[in-house]
Amino acid sequence: DRFETGMTVRREVLGDAHVDRAEAAKSSFDAPFQQLITESAWRKKFAGMEASDARTLCGLEAKNARLKRIVADQVLDTVPWRVIRQS
């Protein structure tokens, strides 16, 4: 079953305590979304990976997102100075 496969992967990557807290906190409003994410994203993205590899991938994706924000901030900080110097 797709949900069970996704939930197994989710628990391996995030840990039982985190998943249990998230499951306990979900509402009737977000339950269908959580089920879709568990069936789709967790199963498709991480199934077949070792839990440690999936955790590493999650960490690298988060680090990549932070680095992209840093670069974007630096570009935004330097662009006005270039315009001023060219004037």
C-alpha atoms as a PDB file:
ATOM      1  CA  ASP A   1       0.000   0.000   0.000  1.00  0.00           C
ATOM      2  CA  ARG A   2       1.399   3.417  -0.990  1.00  0.00           C
ATOM      3  CA  PHE A   3       0.569   5.108   2.303  1.00  0.00           C
ATOM      4  CA  GLU A   4       2.276   2.440   4.405  1.00  0.00           C
ATOM      5  CA  THR A   5       5.392   2.540   2.206  1.00  0.00           C
ATOM      6  CA  GLY A   6       5.540   6.322   2.506  1.00  0.00           C
ATOM      7  CA  MET A   7       4.916   6.216   6.250  1.00  0.00           C
ATOM      8  CA  THR A   8       7.698   3.660   6.732  1.00  0.00           C
ATOM      9  CA  VAL A   9      10.145   5.885   4.868  1.00  0.00           C
ATOM     10  CA  ARG A  10       8.915   8.988   6.721  1.00  0.00           C
ATOM     11  CA  ARG A  11       9.443   7.286  10.090  1.00  0.00           C
ATOM     12  CA  GLU A  12      12.925   6.070   9.106  1.00  0.00           C
ATOM     13  CA  VAL A  13      14.000   9.558   8.031  1.00  0.00           C
ATOM     14  CA  LEU A  14      12.304  11.744  10.661  1.00  0.00           C
ATOM     15  CA  GLY A  15      12.026   9.299  13.540  1.00  0.00           C
ATOM     16  CA  ASP A  16       8.973   7.849  15.255  1.00  0.00           C
ATOM     17  CA  ALA A  17       8.668  10.597  17.869  1.00  0.00           C
ATOM     18  CA  HIS A  18       8.516  13.379  15.263  1.00  0.00           C
ATOM     19  CA  VAL A  19       6.024  11.532  13.067  1.00  0.00           C
ATOM     20  CA  ASP A  20       3.863  10.629  16.066  1.00  0.00           C
ATOM     21  CA  ARG A  21       3.753  14.306  17.137  1.00  0.00           C
ATOM     22  CA  ALA A  22       2.895  15.413  13.602  1.00  0.00           C
ATOM     23  CA  GLU A  23       0.180  12.773  13.279  1.00  0.00           C
ATOM     24  CA  ALA A  24      -1.319  13.745  16.633  1.00  0.00           C
ATOM     25  CA  ALA A  25      -1.339  17.429  15.656  1.00  0.00           C
ATOM     26  CA  LYS A  26      -2.937  17.069  12.239  1.00  0.00           C
ATOM     27  CA  SER A  27      -6.451  18.364  11.817  1.00  0.00           C
ATOM     28  CA  SER A  28      -9.316  17.200   9.650  1.00  0.00           C
ATOM     29  CA  PHE A  29      -8.434  20.124   7.367  1.00  0.00           C
ATOM     30  CA  ASP A  30      -4.831  19.081   6.674  1.00  0.00           C
ATOM     31  CA  ALA A  31      -5.228  15.295   6.993  1.00  0.00           C
ATOM     32  CA  PRO A  32      -5.890  14.749   3.251  1.00  0.00           C
ATOM     33  CA  PHE A  33      -2.823  16.830   2.389  1.00  0.00           C
ATOM     34  CA  GLN A  34      -0.675  14.883   4.857  1.00  0.00           C
ATOM     35  CA  GLN A  35      -1.899  11.619   3.350  1.00  0.00           C
ATOM     36  CA  LEU A  36      -1.098  12.820  -0.169  1.00  0.00           C
ATOM     37  CA  ILE A  37       2.400  13.913   0.852  1.00  0.00           C
ATOM     38  CA  THR A  38       3.039  10.640   2.660  1.00  0.00           C
ATOM     39  CA  GLU A  39       1.795   8.541  -0.260  1.00  0.00           C
ATOM     40  CA  SER A  40       3.507  10.574  -2.946  1.00  0.00           C
ATOM     41  CA  ALA A  41       6.500  12.595  -1.866  1.00  0.00           C
ATOM     42  CA  TRP A  42       7.891  10.367   0.852  1.00  0.00           C
ATOM     43  CA  ARG A  43       7.389   7.176  -1.094  1.00  0.00           C
ATOM     44  CA  LYS A  44       8.669   8.480  -4.433  1.00  0.00           C
ATOM     45  CA  LYS A  45      11.540  10.583  -3.172  1.00  0.00           C
ATOM     46  CA  PHE A  46      13.046   8.393  -0.493  1.00  0.00           C
ATOM     47  CA  ALA A  47      11.852   4.810  -1.063  1.00  0.00           C
ATOM     48  CA  GLY A  48      14.766   2.535  -1.793  1.00  0.00           C
ATOM     49  CA  MET A  49      17.267   4.748   0.031  1.00  0.00           C
ATOM     50  CA  GLU A  50      18.873   3.890   3.288  1.00  0.00           C
ATOM     51  CA  ALA A  51      17.479   6.030   6.107  1.00  0.00           C
ATOM     52  CA  SER A  52      20.897   7.615   6.701  1.00  0.00           C
ATOM     53  CA  ASP A  53      21.164   8.556   3.009  1.00  0.00           C
ATOM     54  CA  ALA A  54      17.685  10.087   3.077  1.00  0.00           C
ATOM     55  CA  ARG A  55      18.563  12.106   6.201  1.00  0.00           C
ATOM     56  CA  THR A  56      21.763  13.273   4.506  1.00  0.00           C
ATOM     57  CA  LEU A  57      19.795  14.296   1.420  1.00  0.00           C
ATOM     58  CA  CYS A  58      17.298  16.263   3.536  1.00  0.00           C
ATOM     59  CA  GLY A  59      20.168  18.023   5.284  1.00  0.00           C
ATOM     60  CA  LEU A  60      21.896  18.849   1.999  1.00  0.00           C
ATOM     61  CA  GLU A  61      18.679  20.224   0.523  1.00  0.00           C
ATOM     62  CA  ALA A  62      18.184  22.462   3.558  1.00  0.00           C
ATOM     63  CA  LYS A  63      21.800  23.637   3.375  1.00  0.00           C
ATOM     64  CA  ASN A  64      21.415  24.317  -0.345  1.00  0.00           C
ATOM     65  CA  ALA A  65      18.310  26.419   0.289  1.00  0.00           C
ATOM     66  CA  ARG A  66      20.183  28.450   2.937  1.00  0.00           C
ATOM     67  CA  LEU A  67      23.124  28.997   0.570  1.00  0.00           C
ATOM     68  CA  LYS A  68      20.786  30.147  -2.200  1.00  0.00           C
ATOM     69  CA  ARG A  69      19.268  32.714   0.167  1.00  0.00           C
ATOM     70  CA  ILE A  70      22.739  33.945   1.149  1.00  0.00           C
ATOM     71  CA  VAL A  71      23.759  34.368  -2.501  1.00  0.00           C
ATOM     72  CA  ALA A  72      20.494  36.123  -3.335  1.00  0.00           C
ATOM     73  CA  ASP A  73      20.960  38.480  -0.388  1.00  0.00           C
ATOM     74  CA  GLN A  74      24.529  39.270  -1.473  1.00  0.00           C
ATOM     75  CA  VAL A  75      23.403  39.984  -5.035  1.00  0.00           C
ATOM     76  CA  LEU A  76      20.682  42.282  -3.781  1.00  0.00           C
ATOM     77  CA  ASP A  77      23.176  44.033  -1.527  1.00  0.00           C
ATOM     78  CA  THR A  78      25.758  44.637  -4.291  1.00  0.00           C
ATOM     79  CA  VAL A  79      23.551  45.516  -7.263  1.00  0.00           C
ATOM     80  CA  PRO A  80      22.599  49.005  -5.979  1.00  0.00           C
ATOM     81  CA  TRP A  81      26.287  49.842  -5.435  1.00  0.00           C
ATOM     82  CA  ARG A  82      27.097  48.926  -9.030  1.00  0.00           C
ATOM     83  CA  VAL A  83      24.328  51.184 -10.289  1.00  0.00           C
ATOM     84  CA  ILE A  84      25.557  54.048  -8.111  1.00  0.00           C
ATOM     85  CA  ARG A  85      29.179  53.630  -9.267  1.00  0.00           C
ATOM     86  CA  GLN A  86      28.150  53.604 -12.938  1.00  0.00           C
ATOM     87  CA  SER A  87      26.288  56.895 -12.555  1.00  0.00           C
END
